[in-house]
N, C-alpha and C. Protein backbone atom coordinates (compact mmCIF):
# COMPACT_ATOMS: atom_id res chain seq x y z
N MET A 1 0.69 78.94 47.62
CA MET A 1 1.34 78.09 48.57
C MET A 1 0.96 76.62 48.36
N ARG A 2 -0.29 76.38 47.92
CA ARG A 2 -0.69 74.99 47.71
C ARG A 2 0.04 74.37 46.54
N TYR A 3 0.45 75.18 45.56
CA TYR A 3 1.21 74.65 44.44
C TYR A 3 2.60 74.23 44.90
N PHE A 4 3.17 74.99 45.81
CA PHE A 4 4.48 74.63 46.36
C PHE A 4 4.40 73.30 47.09
N TRP A 5 3.40 73.13 47.96
CA TRP A 5 3.28 71.90 48.72
C TRP A 5 2.94 70.72 47.82
N THR A 6 2.16 70.96 46.79
CA THR A 6 1.87 69.90 45.83
C THR A 6 3.14 69.42 45.16
N PHE A 7 3.95 70.37 44.71
CA PHE A 7 5.22 70.00 44.07
C PHE A 7 6.16 69.35 45.07
N PHE A 8 6.22 69.87 46.29
CA PHE A 8 7.12 69.35 47.31
C PHE A 8 6.83 67.87 47.59
N TRP A 9 5.57 67.54 47.84
CA TRP A 9 5.22 66.16 48.16
C TRP A 9 5.33 65.26 46.94
N ALA A 10 4.96 65.76 45.78
CA ALA A 10 5.11 64.96 44.56
C ALA A 10 6.59 64.68 44.31
N PHE A 11 7.43 65.68 44.52
CA PHE A 11 8.87 65.52 44.32
C PHE A 11 9.43 64.46 45.26
N LEU A 12 9.09 64.55 46.54
CA LEU A 12 9.60 63.58 47.51
C LEU A 12 9.10 62.16 47.21
N LEU A 13 7.81 62.02 46.94
CA LEU A 13 7.26 60.70 46.72
C LEU A 13 7.76 60.07 45.42
N VAL A 14 7.91 60.86 44.37
CA VAL A 14 8.41 60.33 43.11
C VAL A 14 9.88 59.96 43.23
N GLN A 15 10.67 60.75 43.95
CA GLN A 15 12.08 60.41 44.16
C GLN A 15 12.20 59.11 44.95
N MET A 16 11.37 58.95 45.98
CA MET A 16 11.37 57.72 46.76
C MET A 16 10.99 56.53 45.88
N LEU A 17 9.95 56.68 45.10
CA LEU A 17 9.51 55.61 44.21
C LEU A 17 10.58 55.27 43.18
N SER A 18 11.22 56.28 42.64
CA SER A 18 12.28 56.07 41.66
C SER A 18 13.45 55.31 42.27
N TYR A 19 13.82 55.65 43.49
CA TYR A 19 14.92 54.97 44.16
C TYR A 19 14.58 53.51 44.45
N VAL A 20 13.38 53.27 44.94
CA VAL A 20 12.98 51.90 45.29
C VAL A 20 12.89 51.04 44.04
N VAL A 21 12.30 51.56 42.98
CA VAL A 21 12.16 50.78 41.75
C VAL A 21 13.52 50.51 41.13
N SER A 22 14.41 51.49 41.14
CA SER A 22 15.74 51.25 40.56
C SER A 22 16.53 50.27 41.42
N SER A 23 16.30 50.23 42.72
CA SER A 23 16.99 49.28 43.58
C SER A 23 16.47 47.86 43.37
N MET A 24 15.19 47.74 43.04
CA MET A 24 14.60 46.42 42.87
C MET A 24 14.91 45.80 41.51
N THR A 25 15.17 46.62 40.51
CA THR A 25 15.49 46.08 39.19
C THR A 25 16.95 45.66 39.18
N GLU A 26 17.21 44.61 38.43
CA GLU A 26 18.56 44.09 38.37
C GLU A 26 19.42 45.00 37.50
N GLY A 27 20.46 45.53 38.07
CA GLY A 27 21.35 46.42 37.34
C GLY A 27 20.81 47.82 37.18
N GLY A 28 19.76 48.15 37.91
CA GLY A 28 19.16 49.48 37.82
C GLY A 28 20.01 50.53 38.52
N VAL A 29 20.01 51.72 37.98
CA VAL A 29 20.78 52.82 38.55
C VAL A 29 19.82 53.96 38.87
N TYR A 30 19.94 54.51 40.08
CA TYR A 30 19.09 55.63 40.49
C TYR A 30 19.49 56.88 39.72
N ASP A 31 18.49 57.55 39.13
CA ASP A 31 18.74 58.76 38.36
C ASP A 31 17.88 59.89 38.92
N PHE A 32 18.52 60.89 39.50
CA PHE A 32 17.82 61.99 40.13
C PHE A 32 17.04 62.83 39.12
N THR A 33 17.63 63.07 37.96
CA THR A 33 17.00 63.97 36.99
C THR A 33 15.71 63.38 36.42
N SER A 34 15.69 62.09 36.16
CA SER A 34 14.45 61.51 35.64
C SER A 34 13.34 61.58 36.68
N GLY A 35 13.68 61.38 37.96
CA GLY A 35 12.69 61.52 39.02
C GLY A 35 12.18 62.94 39.14
N ALA A 36 13.07 63.92 38.96
CA ALA A 36 12.66 65.33 39.04
C ALA A 36 11.73 65.69 37.89
N ILE A 37 12.02 65.20 36.70
CA ILE A 37 11.18 65.49 35.54
C ILE A 37 9.80 64.85 35.71
N ILE A 38 9.78 63.61 36.18
CA ILE A 38 8.50 62.93 36.39
C ILE A 38 7.69 63.63 37.48
N SER A 39 8.35 64.14 38.51
CA SER A 39 7.63 64.83 39.60
C SER A 39 6.97 66.11 39.11
N VAL A 40 7.58 66.79 38.16
CA VAL A 40 6.95 67.98 37.58
C VAL A 40 5.68 67.58 36.84
N GLY A 41 5.75 66.50 36.08
CA GLY A 41 4.57 66.02 35.37
C GLY A 41 3.47 65.57 36.30
N VAL A 42 3.83 64.88 37.37
CA VAL A 42 2.85 64.43 38.35
C VAL A 42 2.19 65.63 39.03
N SER A 43 2.99 66.65 39.36
CA SER A 43 2.44 67.86 39.98
C SER A 43 1.44 68.55 39.06
N ILE A 44 1.76 68.64 37.79
CA ILE A 44 0.86 69.27 36.83
C ILE A 44 -0.44 68.47 36.71
N LEU A 45 -0.33 67.14 36.67
CA LEU A 45 -1.53 66.30 36.58
C LEU A 45 -2.41 66.45 37.83
N ILE A 46 -1.80 66.54 38.99
CA ILE A 46 -2.57 66.71 40.22
C ILE A 46 -3.28 68.06 40.23
N ILE A 47 -2.60 69.11 39.82
CA ILE A 47 -3.20 70.45 39.80
C ILE A 47 -4.36 70.49 38.79
N ILE A 48 -4.19 69.86 37.63
CA ILE A 48 -5.26 69.82 36.63
C ILE A 48 -6.45 69.01 37.16
N ALA A 49 -6.17 67.88 37.81
CA ALA A 49 -7.25 67.05 38.33
C ALA A 49 -8.06 67.78 39.39
N THR A 50 -7.41 68.54 40.25
CA THR A 50 -8.16 69.28 41.27
C THR A 50 -8.95 70.43 40.66
N ALA A 51 -8.52 70.97 39.54
CA ALA A 51 -9.26 72.05 38.90
C ALA A 51 -10.48 71.51 38.15
N VAL A 52 -10.39 70.30 37.64
CA VAL A 52 -11.48 69.73 36.83
C VAL A 52 -12.56 69.10 37.71
N LEU A 53 -12.18 68.42 38.77
CA LEU A 53 -13.15 67.74 39.62
C LEU A 53 -14.02 68.75 40.36
N PRO A 54 -15.32 68.45 40.47
CA PRO A 54 -16.21 69.39 41.18
C PRO A 54 -15.94 69.38 42.67
N ASN A 55 -16.19 70.51 43.30
CA ASN A 55 -15.95 70.67 44.74
C ASN A 55 -17.21 70.42 45.55
N GLU A 56 -18.38 70.51 44.93
CA GLU A 56 -19.65 70.33 45.64
C GLU A 56 -20.05 68.86 45.64
N PRO A 57 -20.80 68.44 46.63
CA PRO A 57 -21.29 67.05 46.64
C PRO A 57 -22.35 66.85 45.54
N ALA A 58 -22.50 65.62 45.12
CA ALA A 58 -23.48 65.30 44.09
C ALA A 58 -24.89 65.44 44.65
N GLN A 59 -25.80 65.97 43.84
CA GLN A 59 -27.18 66.15 44.29
C GLN A 59 -27.97 64.89 43.98
N LYS A 60 -28.88 64.53 44.88
CA LYS A 60 -29.74 63.37 44.68
C LYS A 60 -30.96 63.79 43.87
N HIS A 61 -31.38 62.93 42.96
CA HIS A 61 -32.53 63.24 42.11
C HIS A 61 -33.78 62.64 42.68
């Protein structure tokens, strides 16, 4: 279920970012498919980052 929510929020935020950036560029056109592809990549990077980072607090020496 956490993978679904990760993809869901990444998809929404990347689509929003894609729309805003394309609106701000001169002559830019919003493209849904490029935002969807980027959101898959962002989701994979987030899932990998959470798997690599330690879950325990750092110990003091």
